[in-house]
Amino acid sequence: MKDNLINELTKVNSDLIIPGYIIKNYDKLDLEGYEFLLLIYLVNQKDHIPFDINKISTDLNIDNNKAFEIVNNLNEKNYISIDMKKNNGVIEEFITTDLFFNKISSILMDTKVDEENSDIYSVFESEFGRVLSPIETETIRRWIESDIDEELIKEALKEAILSGVRNISYIDKIIANWIKKGYKNTDDVKRKKVKKEEEMEEILIPDWLNE
């Protein structure tokens, strides 16, 4: 009897697979237990799943009223949509999970951006010699979201360190000043520095040497 039960439990067609990307981002999905269960159930189905509340109730071992409630919750949270389609003259309802995949794609993209930008936070923490405060982290994130070149941000940090200042507001002012002047990358900053040094040399060279 035990062997028969194990064989029944291990049938592939009775399994629900939880994708790794959902597990890793579960805390960002804002789902209750049964909502999560139904979503996993739907993700494991083919697209345009027939809206058969009796089948859903049976497969999830819940009553029809509970199944309706969960479907409505997922619909209101924009994880699924109920679409109608004419089939041989008969209007049929289908559940689609396109909205969920749009949502999870956005989450994955945001996570990827955060991972790519994690290095710059480490650079600031290394130079500051401590963990960044929430305000400092948010300021750096604002620079990144404003499409300010990462190397330009690091150059502003370097400029502040050379001036003996380890303050995010001071660095923010440097960046704002550079953006105002039209600097887009470190090359623009370096060209300006070279030009300034050349102008200083011209001022310091005595007139009699030129003569």
C-alpha atoms as a PDB file:
ATOM      1  CA  MET A   1       0.000   0.000   0.000  1.00  0.00           C
ATOM      2  CA  LYS A   2       2.860   2.364   0.876  1.00  0.00           C
ATOM      3  CA  ASP A   3       4.578   1.664  -2.457  1.00  0.00           C
ATOM      4  CA  ASN A   4       1.349   2.389  -4.350  1.00  0.00           C
ATOM      5  CA  LEU A   5       0.932   5.688  -2.509  1.00  0.00           C
ATOM      6  CA  ILE A   6       4.521   6.715  -3.292  1.00  0.00           C
ATOM      7  CA  ASN A   7       4.044   5.823  -6.953  1.00  0.00           C
ATOM      8  CA  GLU A   8       0.884   7.924  -7.038  1.00  0.00           C
ATOM      9  CA  LEU A   9       2.596  10.898  -5.428  1.00  0.00           C
ATOM     10  CA  THR A  10       5.559  10.784  -7.809  1.00  0.00           C
ATOM     11  CA  LYS A  11       3.530  10.850 -11.018  1.00  0.00           C
ATOM     12  CA  VAL A  12       4.947  13.679 -13.144  1.00  0.00           C
ATOM     13  CA  ASN A  13       1.551  14.829 -14.396  1.00  0.00           C
ATOM     14  CA  SER A  14       0.333  15.455 -10.830  1.00  0.00           C
ATOM     15  CA  ASP A  15       3.207  17.747  -9.896  1.00  0.00           C
ATOM     16  CA  LEU A  16       3.147  21.521  -9.738  1.00  0.00           C
ATOM     17  CA  ILE A  17       6.513  23.089 -10.495  1.00  0.00           C
ATOM     18  CA  ILE A  18       7.431  26.322  -8.713  1.00  0.00           C
ATOM     19  CA  PRO A  19       9.895  28.235 -10.940  1.00  0.00           C
ATOM     20  CA  GLY A  20      13.029  29.480  -9.192  1.00  0.00           C
ATOM     21  CA  TYR A  21      12.415  33.079 -10.254  1.00  0.00           C
ATOM     22  CA  ILE A  22       9.103  33.042  -8.356  1.00  0.00           C
ATOM     23  CA  ILE A  23      10.654  31.599  -5.191  1.00  0.00           C
ATOM     24  CA  LYS A  24      13.445  34.200  -5.214  1.00  0.00           C
ATOM     25  CA  ASN A  25      10.995  37.065  -5.644  1.00  0.00           C
ATOM     26  CA  TYR A  26       8.097  35.757  -3.545  1.00  0.00           C
ATOM     27  CA  ASP A  27       8.446  38.615  -1.040  1.00  0.00           C
ATOM     28  CA  LYS A  28       7.826  41.137  -3.836  1.00  0.00           C
ATOM     29  CA  LEU A  29       4.609  39.524  -5.082  1.00  0.00           C
ATOM     30  CA  ASP A  30       2.236  40.504  -2.248  1.00  0.00           C
ATOM     31  CA  LEU A  31       0.296  37.229  -2.348  1.00  0.00           C
ATOM     32  CA  GLU A  32      -1.628  35.310   0.301  1.00  0.00           C
ATOM     33  CA  GLY A  33      -1.186  31.540   0.640  1.00  0.00           C
ATOM     34  CA  TYR A  34      -4.060  30.373  -1.569  1.00  0.00           C
ATOM     35  CA  GLU A  35      -3.455  33.173  -4.062  1.00  0.00           C
ATOM     36  CA  PHE A  36       0.126  31.985  -4.443  1.00  0.00           C
ATOM     37  CA  LEU A  37      -1.058  28.380  -4.790  1.00  0.00           C
ATOM     38  CA  LEU A  38      -3.567  29.267  -7.501  1.00  0.00           C
ATOM     39  CA  LEU A  39      -1.008  31.376  -9.346  1.00  0.00           C
ATOM     40  CA  ILE A  40       1.459  28.464  -9.376  1.00  0.00           C
ATOM     41  CA  TYR A  41      -1.373  26.209 -10.552  1.00  0.00           C
ATOM     42  CA  LEU A  42      -2.160  28.574 -13.437  1.00  0.00           C
ATOM     43  CA  VAL A  43       1.502  29.094 -14.396  1.00  0.00           C
ATOM     44  CA  ASN A  44       1.782  25.315 -14.772  1.00  0.00           C
ATOM     45  CA  GLN A  45      -1.146  25.286 -17.229  1.00  0.00           C
ATOM     46  CA  LYS A  46      -1.080  26.249 -20.877  1.00  0.00           C
ATOM     47  CA  ASP A  47      -2.019  29.765 -21.920  1.00  0.00           C
ATOM     48  CA  HIS A  48      -5.720  30.644 -22.256  1.00  0.00           C
ATOM     49  CA  ILE A  49      -6.798  28.295 -19.476  1.00  0.00           C
ATOM     50  CA  PRO A  50     -10.537  27.569 -19.568  1.00  0.00           C
ATOM     51  CA  PHE A  51     -12.248  29.301 -16.647  1.00  0.00           C
ATOM     52  CA  ASP A  52     -13.651  26.118 -15.127  1.00  0.00           C
ATOM     53  CA  ILE A  53     -14.255  26.840 -11.454  1.00  0.00           C
ATOM     54  CA  ASN A  54     -15.224  23.231 -10.749  1.00  0.00           C
ATOM     55  CA  LYS A  55     -11.923  21.931 -12.090  1.00  0.00           C
ATOM     56  CA  ILE A  56      -9.946  24.551 -10.170  1.00  0.00           C
ATOM     57  CA  SER A  57     -11.821  23.689  -6.985  1.00  0.00           C
ATOM     58  CA  THR A  58     -11.183  19.975  -7.445  1.00  0.00           C
ATOM     59  CA  ASP A  59      -7.504  20.344  -8.361  1.00  0.00           C
ATOM     60  CA  LEU A  60      -6.787  22.665  -5.417  1.00  0.00           C
ATOM     61  CA  ASN A  61      -9.103  20.791  -3.037  1.00  0.00           C
ATOM     62  CA  ILE A  62     -11.111  23.888  -2.095  1.00  0.00           C
ATOM     63  CA  ASP A  63     -14.806  24.731  -2.438  1.00  0.00           C
ATOM     64  CA  ASN A  64     -16.197  26.754  -5.335  1.00  0.00           C
ATOM     65  CA  ASN A  65     -16.814  29.910  -3.316  1.00  0.00           C
ATOM     66  CA  LYS A  66     -13.212  29.943  -2.110  1.00  0.00           C
ATOM     67  CA  ALA A  67     -11.964  29.341  -5.657  1.00  0.00           C
ATOM     68  CA  PHE A  68     -14.061  32.274  -6.969  1.00  0.00           C
ATOM     69  CA  GLU A  69     -12.718  34.498  -4.200  1.00  0.00           C
ATOM     70  CA  ILE A  70      -9.089  33.660  -4.992  1.00  0.00           C
ATOM     71  CA  VAL A  71      -9.581  34.134  -8.742  1.00  0.00           C
ATOM     72  CA  ASN A  72     -11.160  37.544  -8.091  1.00  0.00           C
ATOM     73  CA  ASN A  73      -8.284  38.519  -5.783  1.00  0.00           C
ATOM     74  CA  LEU A  74      -5.683  37.676  -8.412  1.00  0.00           C
ATOM     75  CA  ASN A  75      -7.725  39.514 -11.022  1.00  0.00           C
ATOM     76  CA  GLU A  76      -7.984  42.648  -8.841  1.00  0.00           C
ATOM     77  CA  LYS A  77      -4.239  42.535  -8.110  1.00  0.00           C
ATOM     78  CA  ASN A  78      -3.587  42.383 -11.888  1.00  0.00           C
ATOM     79  CA  TYR A  79      -1.894  38.996 -11.824  1.00  0.00           C
ATOM     80  CA  ILE A  80      -4.411  37.396 -14.170  1.00  0.00           C
ATOM     81  CA  SER A  81      -7.175  38.501 -16.512  1.00  0.00           C
ATOM     82  CA  ILE A  82     -10.426  36.855 -17.537  1.00  0.00           C
ATOM     83  CA  ASP A  83     -10.830  36.992 -21.305  1.00  0.00           C
ATOM     84  CA  MET A  84     -13.769  35.950 -23.463  1.00  0.00           C
ATOM     85  CA  LYS A  85     -13.421  34.144 -26.744  1.00  0.00           C
ATOM     86  CA  LYS A  86     -16.022  32.888 -29.221  1.00  0.00           C
ATOM     87  CA  ASN A  87     -15.636  29.185 -29.970  1.00  0.00           C
ATOM     88  CA  ASN A  88     -18.037  27.736 -32.549  1.00  0.00           C
ATOM     89  CA  GLY A  89     -20.517  30.485 -31.800  1.00  0.00           C
ATOM     90  CA  VAL A  90     -20.281  29.925 -28.032  1.00  0.00           C
ATOM     91  CA  ILE A  91     -18.725  32.558 -25.750  1.00  0.00           C
ATOM     92  CA  GLU A  92     -16.137  30.937 -23.485  1.00  0.00           C
ATOM     93  CA  GLU A  93     -14.100  32.461 -20.667  1.00  0.00           C
ATOM     94  CA  PHE A  94     -10.377  31.934 -20.328  1.00  0.00           C
ATOM     95  CA  ILE A  95      -7.824  32.839 -17.686  1.00  0.00           C
ATOM     96  CA  THR A  96      -4.599  34.363 -18.968  1.00  0.00           C
ATOM     97  CA  THR A  97      -1.417  34.961 -16.964  1.00  0.00           C
ATOM     98  CA  ASP A  98       0.117  37.604 -19.234  1.00  0.00           C
ATOM     99  CA  LEU A  99      -0.236  40.267 -16.527  1.00  0.00           C
ATOM    100  CA  PHE A 100       1.719  38.142 -14.054  1.00  0.00           C
ATOM    101  CA  PHE A 101       4.546  37.569 -16.510  1.00  0.00           C
ATOM    102  CA  ASN A 102       4.677  41.301 -17.231  1.00  0.00           C
ATOM    103  CA  LYS A 103       4.895  41.973 -13.494  1.00  0.00           C
ATOM    104  CA  ILE A 104       7.572  39.344 -12.791  1.00  0.00           C
ATOM    105  CA  SER A 105       9.581  40.546 -15.809  1.00  0.00           C
ATOM    106  CA  SER A 106       9.652  44.072 -14.361  1.00  0.00           C
ATOM    107  CA  ILE A 107      10.744  42.706 -10.987  1.00  0.00           C
ATOM    108  CA  LEU A 108      13.533  40.658 -12.592  1.00  0.00           C
ATOM    109  CA  MET A 109      14.724  43.648 -14.625  1.00  0.00           C
ATOM    110  CA  ASP A 110      14.807  45.859 -11.514  1.00  0.00           C
ATOM    111  CA  THR A 111      16.722  43.141  -9.648  1.00  0.00           C
ATOM    112  CA  LYS A 112      19.225  42.868 -12.490  1.00  0.00           C
ATOM    113  CA  VAL A 113      19.780  46.637 -12.496  1.00  0.00           C
ATOM    114  CA  ASP A 114      20.323  46.604  -8.730  1.00  0.00           C
ATOM    115  CA  GLU A 115      22.854  43.784  -9.069  1.00  0.00           C
ATOM    116  CA  GLU A 116      24.699  45.609 -11.840  1.00  0.00           C
ATOM    117  CA  ASN A 117      24.813  48.786  -9.762  1.00  0.00           C
ATOM    118  CA  SER A 118      25.788  47.075  -6.503  1.00  0.00           C
ATOM    119  CA  ASP A 119      29.478  47.666  -7.280  1.00  0.00           C
ATOM    120  CA  ILE A 120      29.167  51.448  -7.108  1.00  0.00           C
ATOM    121  CA  TYR A 121      27.606  51.237  -3.646  1.00  0.00           C
ATOM    122  CA  SER A 122      30.558  49.105  -2.545  1.00  0.00           C
ATOM    123  CA  VAL A 123      32.968  51.729  -3.895  1.00  0.00           C
ATOM    124  CA  PHE A 124      31.310  54.464  -1.821  1.00  0.00           C
ATOM    125  CA  GLU A 125      31.268  52.289   1.297  1.00  0.00           C
ATOM    126  CA  SER A 126      34.949  51.504   0.814  1.00  0.00           C
ATOM    127  CA  GLU A 127      35.866  55.191   0.471  1.00  0.00           C
ATOM    128  CA  PHE A 128      33.607  56.275   3.336  1.00  0.00           C
ATOM    129  CA  GLY A 129      34.841  53.425   5.523  1.00  0.00           C
ATOM    130  CA  ARG A 130      31.337  52.523   6.666  1.00  0.00           C
ATOM    131  CA  VAL A 131      27.932  51.261   5.539  1.00  0.00           C
ATOM    132  CA  LEU A 132      25.897  53.811   3.573  1.00  0.00           C
ATOM    133  CA  SER A 133      22.856  55.371   5.205  1.00  0.00           C
ATOM    134  CA  PRO A 134      19.416  55.002   3.541  1.00  0.00           C
ATOM    135  CA  ILE A 135      19.582  58.653   2.391  1.00  0.00           C
ATOM    136  CA  GLU A 136      23.023  58.124   0.825  1.00  0.00           C
ATOM    137  CA  THR A 137      21.863  54.939  -0.897  1.00  0.00           C
ATOM    138  CA  GLU A 138      18.779  56.706  -2.244  1.00  0.00           C
ATOM    139  CA  THR A 139      20.897  59.623  -3.543  1.00  0.00           C
ATOM    140  CA  ILE A 140      23.175  57.253  -5.462  1.00  0.00           C
ATOM    141  CA  ARG A 141      20.142  55.413  -6.795  1.00  0.00           C
ATOM    142  CA  ARG A 142      18.691  58.745  -7.973  1.00  0.00           C
ATOM    143  CA  TRP A 143      21.883  59.477  -9.914  1.00  0.00           C
ATOM    144  CA  ILE A 144      21.733  56.077 -11.568  1.00  0.00           C
ATOM    145  CA  GLU A 145      18.041  56.383 -12.440  1.00  0.00           C
ATOM    146  CA  SER A 146      18.801  59.810 -13.960  1.00  0.00           C
ATOM    147  CA  ASP A 147      21.179  58.019 -16.374  1.00  0.00           C
ATOM    148  CA  ILE A 148      24.244  59.762 -14.994  1.00  0.00           C
ATOM    149  CA  ASP A 149      27.322  57.882 -16.155  1.00  0.00           C
ATOM    150  CA  GLU A 150      28.649  55.603 -13.397  1.00  0.00           C
ATOM    151  CA  GLU A 151      32.243  56.609 -14.108  1.00  0.00           C
ATOM    152  CA  LEU A 152      31.229  60.264 -13.769  1.00  0.00           C
ATOM    153  CA  ILE A 153      29.771  59.477 -10.338  1.00  0.00           C
ATOM    154  CA  LYS A 154      33.013  57.771  -9.312  1.00  0.00           C
ATOM    155  CA  GLU A 155      34.991  60.748 -10.611  1.00  0.00           C
ATOM    156  CA  ALA A 156      32.896  63.076  -8.443  1.00  0.00           C
ATOM    157  CA  LEU A 157      33.597  60.825  -5.467  1.00  0.00           C
ATOM    158  CA  LYS A 158      37.316  60.983  -6.276  1.00  0.00           C
ATOM    159  CA  GLU A 159      37.113  64.771  -6.533  1.00  0.00           C
ATOM    160  CA  ALA A 160      35.487  64.979  -3.103  1.00  0.00           C
ATOM    161  CA  ILE A 161      38.051  62.643  -1.514  1.00  0.00           C
ATOM    162  CA  LEU A 162      40.917  64.736  -2.929  1.00  0.00           C
ATOM    163  CA  SER A 163      39.284  67.759  -1.308  1.00  0.00           C
ATOM    164  CA  GLY A 164      39.158  65.888   1.993  1.00  0.00           C
ATOM    165  CA  VAL A 165      35.371  65.643   2.003  1.00  0.00           C
ATOM    166  CA  ARG A 166      33.417  62.419   2.483  1.00  0.00           C
ATOM    167  CA  ASN A 167      29.918  63.776   2.236  1.00  0.00           C
ATOM    168  CA  ILE A 168      27.194  62.665  -0.166  1.00  0.00           C
ATOM    169  CA  SER A 169      25.678  66.179  -0.348  1.00  0.00           C
ATOM    170  CA  TYR A 170      29.047  67.613  -1.419  1.00  0.00           C
ATOM    171  CA  ILE A 171      29.344  64.961  -4.131  1.00  0.00           C
ATOM    172  CA  ASP A 172      25.772  65.663  -5.215  1.00  0.00           C
ATOM    173  CA  LYS A 173      26.695  69.335  -5.705  1.00  0.00           C
ATOM    174  CA  ILE A 174      29.758  68.371  -7.770  1.00  0.00           C
ATOM    175  CA  ILE A 175      27.634  66.184 -10.030  1.00  0.00           C
ATOM    176  CA  ALA A 176      24.904  68.826 -10.333  1.00  0.00           C
ATOM    177  CA  ASN A 177      27.537  71.421 -11.300  1.00  0.00           C
ATOM    178  CA  TRP A 178      29.061  69.127 -13.907  1.00  0.00           C
ATOM    179  CA  ILE A 179      25.652  68.291 -15.394  1.00  0.00           C
ATOM    180  CA  LYS A 180      24.862  72.017 -15.537  1.00  0.00           C
ATOM    181  CA  LYS A 181      28.086  72.564 -17.499  1.00  0.00           C
ATOM    182  CA  GLY A 182      27.126  69.779 -19.897  1.00  0.00           C
ATOM    183  CA  TYR A 183      29.603  67.170 -18.711  1.00  0.00           C
ATOM    184  CA  LYS A 184      28.412  63.679 -19.623  1.00  0.00           C
ATOM    185  CA  ASN A 185      31.424  61.520 -18.816  1.00  0.00           C
ATOM    186  CA  THR A 186      34.908  61.571 -17.294  1.00  0.00           C
ATOM    187  CA  ASP A 187      36.486  62.631 -20.593  1.00  0.00           C
ATOM    188  CA  ASP A 188      34.573  65.906 -20.423  1.00  0.00           C
ATOM    189  CA  VAL A 189      35.866  66.488 -16.888  1.00  0.00           C
ATOM    190  CA  LYS A 190      39.458  65.663 -17.839  1.00  0.00           C
ATOM    191  CA  ARG A 191      39.364  67.939 -20.882  1.00  0.00           C
ATOM    192  CA  LYS A 192      38.135  70.787 -18.707  1.00  0.00           C
ATOM    193  CA  LYS A 193      40.903  70.150 -16.167  1.00  0.00           C
ATOM    194  CA  VAL A 194      43.581  70.115 -18.885  1.00  0.00           C
ATOM    195  CA  LYS A 195      42.241  73.342 -20.340  1.00  0.00           C
ATOM    196  CA  LYS A 196      42.201  74.956 -16.898  1.00  0.00           C
ATOM    197  CA  GLU A 197      45.810  73.859 -16.227  1.00  0.00           C
ATOM    198  CA  GLU A 198      46.936  75.268 -19.575  1.00  0.00           C
ATOM    199  CA  GLU A 199      45.246  78.587 -18.776  1.00  0.00           C
ATOM    200  CA  MET A 200      46.970  78.681 -15.399  1.00  0.00           C
ATOM    201  CA  GLU A 201      50.341  78.012 -17.014  1.00  0.00           C
ATOM    202  CA  GLU A 202      49.811  80.900 -19.412  1.00  0.00           C
ATOM    203  CA  ILE A 203      49.041  83.202 -16.500  1.00  0.00           C
ATOM    204  CA  LEU A 204      52.127  82.108 -14.546  1.00  0.00           C
ATOM    205  CA  ILE A 205      54.595  82.384 -17.436  1.00  0.00           C
ATOM    206  CA  PRO A 206      56.353  85.816 -17.194  1.00  0.00           C
ATOM    207  CA  ASP A 207      55.845  88.160 -20.144  1.00  0.00           C
ATOM    208  CA  TRP A 208      59.609  88.522 -20.650  1.00  0.00           C
ATOM    209  CA  LEU A 209      59.842  84.792 -21.463  1.00  0.00           C
ATOM    210  CA  ASN A 210      57.293  85.221 -24.207  1.00  0.00           C
ATOM    211  CA  GLU A 211      59.262  88.166 -25.551  1.00  0.00           C
END
